[in-house]
Amino acid sequence: MSLQVRNSTGGGFVLLQDTQLIETLAHFARERIPERVVHAKAVGAFGEFEVTHDISDLTSAKFLKGVGKKTPVLLRVSTVGPESGSADTARDVRGWAMKLFTKDGNQDFVFNDIPVFFIRDPIKFPSVNRSHKRHPRTHLPDSTMEGIHALMHLFSDRGTPVSIRNLNAYSGHTYKFTKPDGSFKYVKIHIKSDQGVKSHTASEATKLAGENPNSHTEDLFNAIENGDYPTWTLYVQVMDPKDAETYRWNIFDVTKIWPHADYPLRPFGKLTLNKNPTNYFTDVECVAFSPSTMVSGIGPTADPMLQARMFSYPDAARYRLGTNYQQLPVNTPLSHVYSPFQRGGFASVKGSYSSDPNYVHSTFKPLKAGPKQAAFEHEIWTKARVEEYTSEVTDEDFVQARWFWDVLGKEEGQQEHFIRIWPLRSLY
């Protein structure tokens, strides 16, 4: 209760000397952090990743070595455009952000539930996300900018999944699996639901949005609480660097897939979710993911969208959580990190390295460099020049979209559902 000065009529004045009152009011006004610009509405859970097949011929990543090896995981699955209070069943892409707490540091996989993305030019990244947001004048949703292949996934029933447990996830980007001798393979990662992919029709999703807008959150929480742990199988597509030189599509174009007939899926692991968050704010809201968070044995490629995301995601975390966001418990790696050159700033919660020097080549506390990384390069991609670039639509962008249309034709009613939804968009 608060302190008051009371008079004979029962009235009174609140005293500013009531420290508890002031602290309570002040904290209340500050207990929210900035909402994510995208991926604000999310479901999260903990679990483990287990290696099921040997892929040591592809990568030196230690957490992928040894059948049966297990690694703790935090998974956050989110819609992209809507606000944090929006319905789980909104028609949208689902972001699949997974943090693996390996002994060599954190490994983040920041994927989507569709295998392709809307754009391949990173300068359009803010615009394509703003297109999912509210119009600056009407403040109404106004999605009008998407790529045809990704758009077809979104406006099929795959855009309204039944639950998180019935989602697949895809790297979309091409990554490298590397080895110490400098050799590497290009890879795409697929995560397939063992519960099967299930989707709502548009009418079912709309109905649920009103009846139970948190249906995905509730479904996953209850499944884990009841011991019905959902699982996913992880696969990798593998391409030799020389194949990339003559492949039909630019392998760094995130709007394209690699057909399985060309590069079949190779299983390598299993994901199990088995623990709900203890506190949503600390475990799910404060977690930060970035495609740049990689362990040795996994590397980026020249994919322009991947390169841009490697900057954008940590920058967003610095804005939302502060420059020391990696010191928050949910982001702290299991392995010891010593980097006295990054210290101070808001919310430095680990002592800021005490009196250790914060500059290089100090004789007071000499530092040893880590093991030198091998040089990974692909000759055809190093013979390049700087030039202006604008992404344009070509006939090739419709080839794989037509393939997906044929896939929908093999599933009863799916083409009809897609056609029924398409005219509902304002400019299509």
Protein backbone atom coordinates (compact mmCIF):
# COMPACT_ATOMS: atom_id res chain seq x y z
CA MET A 1 0.00 0.00 0.00
CA SER A 2 1.06 3.61 -0.51
CA LEU A 3 1.72 6.28 2.11
CA GLN A 4 -0.74 9.18 2.36
CA VAL A 5 -1.31 12.32 4.43
CA ARG A 6 -5.00 12.12 5.41
CA ASN A 7 -7.27 14.94 6.65
CA SER A 8 -10.44 14.87 8.77
CA THR A 9 -12.72 14.33 5.73
CA GLY A 10 -10.88 11.17 4.67
CA GLY A 11 -9.06 12.78 1.74
CA GLY A 12 -5.32 12.80 1.44
CA PHE A 13 -2.17 13.41 -0.55
CA VAL A 14 0.24 10.82 -1.90
CA LEU A 15 3.76 11.43 -0.65
CA LEU A 16 6.68 11.38 -3.05
CA GLN A 17 8.76 10.08 -0.17
CA ASP A 18 6.92 6.76 -0.71
CA THR A 19 9.82 5.12 -2.51
CA GLN A 20 7.95 1.86 -3.10
CA LEU A 21 5.13 3.69 -4.87
CA ILE A 22 7.53 5.67 -7.08
CA GLU A 23 9.58 2.57 -7.96
CA THR A 24 6.44 0.56 -8.75
CA LEU A 25 5.04 3.23 -11.07
CA ALA A 26 8.40 3.91 -12.71
CA HIS A 27 9.08 0.22 -13.34
CA PHE A 28 5.61 -0.32 -14.78
CA ALA A 29 6.23 2.33 -17.45
CA ARG A 30 9.51 0.65 -18.41
CA GLU A 31 8.78 -3.06 -18.20
CA ARG A 32 8.35 -3.47 -21.96
CA ILE A 33 11.20 -3.49 -24.44
CA PRO A 34 10.83 -2.49 -28.10
CA GLU A 35 8.80 -5.02 -30.03
CA ARG A 36 10.57 -6.76 -32.86
CA VAL A 37 10.01 -4.89 -36.13
CA VAL A 38 9.21 -8.28 -37.68
CA HIS A 39 8.63 -11.65 -36.03
CA ALA A 40 6.95 -10.06 -33.02
CA LYS A 41 4.36 -12.81 -32.33
CA ALA A 42 6.08 -16.05 -31.41
CA VAL A 43 5.93 -19.40 -29.68
CA GLY A 44 9.04 -20.76 -27.97
CA ALA A 45 10.27 -23.97 -26.37
CA PHE A 46 13.46 -25.75 -25.33
CA GLY A 47 14.65 -29.12 -26.51
CA GLU A 48 17.59 -31.02 -27.89
CA PHE A 49 19.21 -31.81 -31.20
CA GLU A 50 20.62 -35.30 -31.71
CA VAL A 51 22.95 -36.48 -34.47
CA THR A 52 21.41 -39.52 -36.16
CA HIS A 53 23.66 -39.97 -39.19
CA ASP A 54 27.39 -39.41 -39.69
CA ILE A 55 28.17 -36.37 -41.86
CA SER A 56 31.78 -35.90 -40.74
CA ASP A 57 32.74 -36.17 -44.43
CA LEU A 58 31.02 -32.81 -44.94
CA THR A 59 31.89 -30.67 -41.93
CA SER A 60 34.21 -30.35 -38.96
CA ALA A 61 31.50 -28.84 -36.75
CA LYS A 62 31.92 -30.73 -33.47
CA PHE A 63 28.26 -30.74 -32.51
CA LEU A 64 27.56 -32.65 -35.75
CA LYS A 65 30.22 -35.29 -35.07
CA GLY A 66 29.29 -38.58 -33.49
CA VAL A 67 25.97 -40.37 -33.89
CA GLY A 68 23.99 -39.92 -30.69
CA LYS A 69 25.60 -36.62 -29.70
CA LYS A 70 23.03 -34.25 -28.20
CA THR A 71 23.00 -30.45 -28.03
CA PRO A 72 20.57 -28.21 -26.07
CA VAL A 73 18.29 -26.09 -28.26
CA LEU A 74 15.95 -23.12 -27.94
CA LEU A 75 13.40 -22.75 -30.74
CA ARG A 76 11.34 -19.63 -31.46
CA VAL A 77 8.70 -19.84 -34.21
CA SER A 78 6.97 -16.63 -35.26
CA THR A 79 4.76 -14.92 -37.77
CA VAL A 80 6.52 -12.14 -39.70
CA GLY A 81 4.34 -9.08 -40.20
CA PRO A 82 1.68 -8.95 -37.47
CA GLU A 83 2.11 -7.38 -34.04
CA SER A 84 2.76 -9.39 -30.88
CA GLY A 85 -0.95 -9.47 -30.00
CA SER A 86 -2.05 -10.81 -33.40
CA ALA A 87 -3.65 -14.18 -34.12
CA ASP A 88 -1.43 -17.24 -34.47
CA THR A 89 -3.44 -18.34 -37.50
CA ALA A 90 -2.76 -15.21 -39.57
CA ARG A 91 -1.79 -16.00 -43.16
CA ASP A 92 1.93 -15.40 -43.07
CA VAL A 93 5.36 -16.95 -43.35
CA ARG A 94 6.61 -18.47 -40.10
CA GLY A 95 10.13 -17.67 -38.99
CA TRP A 96 12.00 -20.63 -37.53
CA ALA A 97 14.81 -19.41 -35.27
CA MET A 98 16.84 -22.09 -33.53
CA LYS A 99 19.75 -21.58 -31.13
CA LEU A 100 21.98 -24.58 -30.47
CA PHE A 101 24.13 -24.25 -27.34
CA THR A 102 27.20 -26.16 -28.51
CA LYS A 103 30.43 -26.57 -26.55
CA ASP A 104 32.19 -24.42 -29.16
CA GLY A 105 29.71 -21.55 -28.94
CA ASN A 106 26.20 -20.84 -30.11
CA GLN A 107 25.01 -21.92 -33.54
CA ASP A 108 21.96 -20.04 -34.81
CA PHE A 109 19.79 -21.29 -37.64
CA VAL A 110 17.37 -18.54 -38.69
CA PHE A 111 15.12 -20.24 -41.23
CA ASN A 112 11.55 -19.95 -42.58
CA ASP A 113 8.74 -22.46 -43.03
CA ILE A 114 8.86 -22.00 -46.83
CA PRO A 115 11.91 -23.03 -48.90
CA VAL A 116 12.19 -19.75 -50.84
CA PHE A 117 12.12 -16.05 -50.03
CA PHE A 118 10.30 -13.14 -51.68
CA ILE A 119 13.35 -11.17 -52.85
CA ARG A 120 17.02 -11.67 -53.68
CA ASP A 121 18.15 -8.02 -53.49
CA PRO A 122 18.92 -7.03 -49.87
CA ILE A 123 18.16 -3.34 -50.39
CA LYS A 124 14.51 -4.39 -50.79
CA PHE A 125 14.53 -6.22 -47.45
CA PRO A 126 13.04 -3.33 -45.43
CA SER A 127 10.45 -2.68 -48.12
CA VAL A 128 9.26 -6.27 -48.38
CA ASN A 129 8.81 -6.34 -44.61
CA ARG A 130 7.06 -2.98 -44.57
CA SER A 131 4.68 -4.36 -47.18
CA HIS A 132 3.46 -6.78 -44.51
CA LYS A 133 2.84 -3.89 -42.13
CA ARG A 134 0.16 -1.21 -41.88
CA HIS A 135 -0.22 1.49 -44.53
CA PRO A 136 1.19 4.82 -43.25
CA ARG A 137 -2.06 6.65 -43.98
CA THR A 138 -4.86 4.15 -43.38
CA HIS A 139 -3.01 2.15 -40.72
CA LEU A 140 -4.53 -0.94 -42.33
CA PRO A 141 -2.61 -4.03 -43.50
CA ASP A 142 -1.48 -3.52 -47.09
CA SER A 143 0.65 -6.40 -48.37
CA THR A 144 1.47 -5.64 -51.98
CA MET A 145 5.05 -6.72 -52.62
CA GLU A 146 6.05 -10.35 -52.84
CA GLY A 147 7.86 -12.72 -55.19
CA ILE A 148 5.72 -15.13 -57.19
CA HIS A 149 7.21 -18.42 -55.92
CA ALA A 150 7.15 -17.41 -52.25
CA LEU A 151 3.75 -15.82 -52.74
CA MET A 152 2.28 -19.09 -54.00
CA HIS A 153 3.49 -20.87 -50.87
CA LEU A 154 1.98 -18.14 -48.72
CA PHE A 155 -1.41 -18.13 -50.46
CA SER A 156 -1.75 -21.87 -50.58
CA ASP A 157 -3.01 -23.54 -47.42
CA ARG A 158 0.63 -23.73 -46.33
CA GLY A 159 0.22 -20.09 -45.28
CA THR A 160 -2.15 -21.12 -42.49
CA PRO A 161 -0.60 -24.10 -40.63
CA VAL A 162 -2.59 -26.06 -38.04
CA SER A 163 0.15 -25.83 -35.42
CA ILE A 164 3.86 -25.35 -34.86
CA ARG A 165 4.13 -29.11 -34.54
CA ASN A 166 2.98 -29.45 -38.16
CA LEU A 167 5.51 -27.08 -39.74
CA ASN A 168 8.57 -27.77 -41.85
CA ALA A 169 11.50 -25.34 -41.94
CA TYR A 170 14.12 -24.56 -44.57
CA SER A 171 17.43 -22.71 -44.62
CA GLY A 172 16.48 -21.06 -47.93
CA HIS A 173 20.00 -19.66 -48.13
CA THR A 174 22.92 -21.67 -49.37
CA TYR A 175 25.52 -22.27 -46.64
CA LYS A 176 28.91 -23.93 -46.55
CA PHE A 177 29.86 -27.02 -44.59
CA THR A 178 33.63 -26.64 -44.17
CA LYS A 179 36.65 -28.70 -43.12
CA PRO A 180 40.04 -27.60 -41.72
CA ASP A 181 41.87 -28.35 -44.96
CA GLY A 182 39.94 -25.61 -46.74
CA SER A 183 37.55 -27.92 -48.58
CA PHE A 184 33.83 -27.31 -48.40
CA LYS A 185 30.46 -28.21 -49.82
CA TYR A 186 27.50 -25.97 -50.54
CA VAL A 187 24.44 -27.04 -48.57
CA LYS A 188 20.78 -26.29 -47.95
CA ILE A 189 19.16 -27.54 -44.73
CA HIS A 190 15.63 -28.92 -44.43
CA ILE A 191 13.75 -29.61 -41.18
CA LYS A 192 10.76 -31.92 -41.66
CA SER A 193 7.98 -32.40 -39.12
CA ASP A 194 7.58 -35.99 -37.95
CA GLN A 195 3.97 -35.14 -37.14
CA GLY A 196 3.33 -34.34 -40.79
CA VAL A 197 2.50 -31.02 -42.43
CA LYS A 198 -1.09 -29.97 -41.75
CA SER A 199 -2.82 -26.76 -42.78
CA HIS A 200 -6.05 -24.89 -42.16
CA THR A 201 -8.26 -23.70 -44.95
CA ALA A 202 -8.75 -19.94 -45.09
CA SER A 203 -12.15 -20.18 -43.41
CA GLU A 204 -10.83 -22.40 -40.62
CA ALA A 205 -7.92 -20.03 -39.94
CA THR A 206 -10.25 -17.01 -39.89
CA LYS A 207 -12.64 -18.75 -37.50
CA LEU A 208 -9.82 -19.72 -35.14
CA ALA A 209 -8.42 -16.19 -35.19
CA GLY A 210 -11.62 -15.10 -33.47
CA GLU A 211 -12.22 -18.12 -31.26
CA ASN A 212 -8.68 -18.81 -30.11
CA PRO A 213 -6.09 -16.37 -31.49
CA ASN A 214 -3.37 -18.10 -29.44
CA SER A 215 -4.11 -21.59 -30.73
CA HIS A 216 -0.50 -22.33 -31.81
CA THR A 217 0.87 -21.12 -28.49
CA GLU A 218 -1.64 -23.21 -26.57
CA ASP A 219 -1.16 -26.30 -28.71
CA LEU A 220 2.62 -26.44 -28.35
CA PHE A 221 2.59 -25.62 -24.63
CA ASN A 222 0.01 -28.29 -23.85
CA ALA A 223 1.70 -30.92 -26.00
CA ILE A 224 5.01 -30.46 -24.16
CA GLU A 225 3.34 -30.26 -20.73
CA ASN A 226 1.54 -33.54 -21.47
CA GLY A 227 4.76 -35.28 -22.56
CA ASP A 228 3.73 -35.46 -26.22
CA TYR A 229 7.07 -34.09 -27.40
CA PRO A 230 7.08 -33.03 -31.08
CA THR A 231 10.03 -34.05 -33.23
CA TRP A 232 11.54 -33.08 -36.56
CA THR A 233 14.06 -34.80 -38.84
CA LEU A 234 16.90 -32.68 -40.25
CA TYR A 235 18.24 -33.19 -43.76
CA VAL A 236 20.91 -31.58 -45.89
CA GLN A 237 21.24 -31.12 -49.63
CA VAL A 238 24.87 -31.18 -50.75
CA MET A 239 26.39 -29.57 -53.83
CA ASP A 240 30.00 -29.69 -54.95
CA PRO A 241 31.42 -26.21 -55.67
CA LYS A 242 32.23 -27.17 -59.25
CA ASP A 243 28.56 -28.03 -59.88
CA ALA A 244 27.59 -24.49 -58.93
CA GLU A 245 29.47 -23.13 -61.94
CA THR A 246 27.14 -24.76 -64.45
CA TYR A 247 23.93 -25.24 -62.46
CA ARG A 248 20.78 -23.88 -64.07
CA TRP A 249 20.13 -21.39 -61.26
CA ASN A 250 22.38 -19.12 -59.29
CA ILE A 251 22.78 -21.08 -56.06
CA PHE A 252 22.96 -17.79 -54.12
CA ASP A 253 19.48 -16.76 -55.27
CA VAL A 254 17.24 -17.36 -52.25
CA THR A 255 14.13 -17.25 -54.47
CA LYS A 256 15.13 -20.63 -55.97
CA ILE A 257 15.21 -24.20 -54.67
CA TRP A 258 17.46 -27.11 -55.57
CA PRO A 259 15.16 -29.85 -56.88
CA HIS A 260 15.50 -33.05 -54.85
CA ALA A 261 15.98 -34.98 -58.06
CA ASP A 262 19.23 -33.04 -58.57
CA TYR A 263 20.34 -32.97 -54.92
CA PRO A 264 18.54 -35.52 -52.74
CA LEU A 265 17.93 -35.06 -49.03
CA ARG A 266 20.49 -36.64 -46.71
CA PRO A 267 19.31 -37.12 -43.08
CA PHE A 268 21.62 -36.14 -40.27
CA GLY A 269 19.71 -35.25 -37.11
CA LYS A 270 16.60 -35.10 -34.98
CA LEU A 271 15.09 -32.18 -33.09
CA THR A 272 12.89 -32.79 -30.05
CA LEU A 273 11.06 -30.10 -28.07
CA ASN A 274 10.61 -31.22 -24.46
CA LYS A 275 10.56 -28.19 -22.15
CA ASN A 276 8.37 -25.10 -22.00
CA PRO A 277 9.81 -21.68 -21.10
CA THR A 278 9.95 -20.85 -17.40
CA ASN A 279 9.33 -17.20 -18.16
CA TYR A 280 8.28 -16.04 -21.63
CA PHE A 281 9.94 -12.63 -21.35
CA THR A 282 13.38 -13.89 -20.33
CA ASP A 283 13.38 -17.05 -22.45
CA VAL A 284 11.59 -16.03 -25.66
CA GLU A 285 11.31 -12.24 -25.80
CA CYS A 286 14.96 -11.60 -24.81
CA VAL A 287 16.50 -14.23 -27.06
CA ALA A 288 18.43 -12.88 -30.05
CA PHE A 289 19.21 -14.84 -33.20
CA SER A 290 21.47 -14.06 -36.12
CA PRO A 291 22.60 -15.95 -39.22
CA SER A 292 26.08 -14.63 -38.39
CA THR A 293 26.24 -16.73 -35.22
CA MET A 294 28.13 -19.77 -36.50
CA VAL A 295 30.56 -22.31 -35.13
CA SER A 296 33.63 -23.60 -36.91
CA GLY A 297 32.63 -26.04 -39.63
CA ILE A 298 29.69 -23.97 -40.87
CA GLY A 299 30.14 -20.86 -42.99
CA PRO A 300 28.32 -18.21 -45.02
CA THR A 301 28.31 -17.87 -48.77
CA ALA A 302 28.07 -15.00 -51.25
CA ASP A 303 24.26 -15.02 -51.05
CA PRO A 304 23.48 -11.25 -50.93
CA MET A 305 20.43 -11.71 -48.70
CA LEU A 306 22.39 -13.85 -46.24
CA GLN A 307 25.22 -11.31 -46.10
CA ALA A 308 22.75 -8.49 -45.37
CA ARG A 309 20.91 -10.50 -42.70
CA MET A 310 24.23 -11.18 -40.96
CA PHE A 311 24.39 -7.45 -40.24
CA SER A 312 20.71 -6.67 -39.80
CA TYR A 313 19.87 -9.25 -37.13
CA PRO A 314 22.58 -8.38 -34.58
CA ASP A 315 21.89 -4.70 -35.21
CA ALA A 316 18.21 -5.24 -34.38
CA ALA A 317 19.24 -7.02 -31.18
CA ARG A 318 21.48 -4.14 -30.16
CA TYR A 319 18.55 -1.76 -30.61
CA ARG A 320 16.00 -3.89 -28.75
CA LEU A 321 18.13 -5.34 -25.97
CA GLY A 322 21.23 -3.14 -25.75
CA THR A 323 24.81 -3.55 -26.83
CA ASN A 324 25.40 -6.31 -24.27
CA TYR A 325 22.49 -8.46 -25.41
CA GLN A 326 24.76 -11.50 -25.65
CA GLN A 327 25.29 -11.36 -21.88
CA LEU A 328 21.62 -12.07 -21.20
CA PRO A 329 21.26 -15.62 -19.83
CA VAL A 330 19.25 -16.92 -22.79
CA ASN A 331 21.92 -15.70 -25.24
CA THR A 332 24.99 -16.72 -23.23
CA PRO A 333 26.94 -19.57 -24.83
CA LEU A 334 28.01 -22.63 -22.84
CA SER A 335 31.61 -22.07 -23.90
CA HIS A 336 33.75 -19.43 -22.22
CA VAL A 337 33.94 -16.14 -24.13
CA TYR A 338 36.76 -13.71 -23.39
CA SER A 339 36.55 -10.46 -25.35
CA PRO A 340 37.69 -7.50 -23.23
CA PHE A 341 37.54 -5.26 -26.30
CA GLN A 342 33.74 -5.29 -25.98
CA ARG A 343 32.84 -3.92 -22.57
CA GLY A 344 30.88 -1.23 -20.80
CA GLY A 345 27.61 0.08 -22.18
CA PHE A 346 24.12 -0.43 -20.80
CA ALA A 347 23.38 -3.68 -18.94
CA SER A 348 26.93 -4.98 -18.76
CA VAL A 349 26.05 -7.68 -16.25
CA LYS A 350 29.24 -9.75 -16.10
CA GLY A 351 31.73 -7.43 -14.45
CA SER A 352 33.01 -5.79 -17.63
CA TYR A 353 36.30 -7.73 -17.36
CA SER A 354 37.34 -5.91 -14.20
CA SER A 355 40.81 -4.37 -14.63
CA ASP A 356 41.85 -6.34 -17.72
CA PRO A 357 43.20 -4.12 -20.51
CA ASN A 358 40.69 -3.31 -23.24
CA TYR A 359 43.18 -2.77 -26.03
CA VAL A 360 45.19 -5.10 -28.25
CA HIS A 361 48.83 -6.09 -27.70
CA SER A 362 48.81 -5.36 -23.98
CA THR A 363 51.87 -6.69 -22.09
CA PHE A 364 49.84 -6.75 -18.85
CA LYS A 365 47.69 -9.64 -20.04
CA PRO A 366 48.90 -11.02 -23.39
CA LEU A 367 46.23 -12.80 -25.43
CA LYS A 368 46.72 -15.77 -27.67
CA ALA A 369 45.03 -15.79 -31.04
CA GLY A 370 42.61 -18.61 -31.72
CA PRO A 371 43.33 -21.27 -34.30
CA LYS A 372 43.70 -19.82 -37.76
CA GLN A 373 40.77 -20.57 -40.02
CA ALA A 374 41.42 -22.14 -43.38
CA ALA A 375 40.72 -20.00 -46.43
CA PHE A 376 37.50 -21.09 -48.11
CA GLU A 377 37.05 -19.73 -51.58
CA HIS A 378 35.55 -20.69 -54.88
CA GLU A 379 37.47 -19.35 -57.82
CA ILE A 380 34.48 -18.51 -60.00
CA TRP A 381 33.07 -16.27 -57.26
CA THR A 382 36.34 -14.44 -56.61
CA LYS A 383 36.69 -13.25 -60.20
CA ALA A 384 34.29 -10.37 -59.80
CA ARG A 385 33.90 -6.65 -60.21
CA VAL A 386 31.94 -3.97 -58.41
CA GLU A 387 28.89 -2.76 -60.29
CA GLU A 388 25.38 -1.47 -59.64
CA TYR A 389 22.74 -4.15 -59.32
CA THR A 390 18.95 -4.12 -59.44
CA SER A 391 16.95 -7.32 -59.15
CA GLU A 392 14.51 -7.76 -62.03
CA VAL A 393 11.84 -10.39 -62.66
CA THR A 394 12.58 -12.80 -65.52
CA ASP A 395 10.79 -15.80 -67.04
CA GLU A 396 13.03 -18.04 -64.94
CA ASP A 397 11.27 -16.77 -61.81
CA PHE A 398 8.07 -18.48 -62.95
CA VAL A 399 9.55 -21.92 -63.70
CA GLN A 400 9.70 -23.18 -60.13
CA ALA A 401 6.42 -21.42 -59.34
CA ARG A 402 4.81 -23.58 -62.05
CA TRP A 403 6.37 -26.65 -60.45
CA PHE A 404 4.78 -25.71 -57.15
CA TRP A 405 1.42 -25.28 -58.90
CA ASP A 406 1.75 -28.87 -60.12
CA VAL A 407 2.55 -29.97 -56.55
CA LEU A 408 -0.65 -28.30 -55.35
CA GLY A 409 -2.52 -30.21 -58.06
CA LYS A 410 -1.51 -33.50 -56.44
CA GLU A 411 -3.17 -32.51 -53.16
CA GLU A 412 -6.96 -32.59 -53.17
CA GLY A 413 -8.54 -29.16 -53.30
CA GLN A 414 -5.28 -27.21 -52.95
CA GLN A 415 -5.33 -25.48 -56.34
CA GLU A 416 -8.97 -24.50 -55.77
CA HIS A 417 -8.12 -23.10 -52.31
CA PHE A 418 -5.28 -21.07 -53.79
CA ILE A 419 -7.49 -19.58 -56.51
CA ARG A 420 -10.17 -18.75 -53.95
CA ILE A 421 -7.71 -16.83 -51.75
CA TRP A 422 -5.79 -14.98 -54.50
CA PRO A 423 -8.43 -12.29 -55.35
CA LEU A 424 -8.67 -11.28 -51.70
CA ARG A 425 -5.38 -9.40 -51.97
CA SER A 426 -5.86 -5.74 -52.84
CA LEU A 427 -3.58 -5.43 -55.87
CA TYR A 428 -3.58 -8.93 -57.34
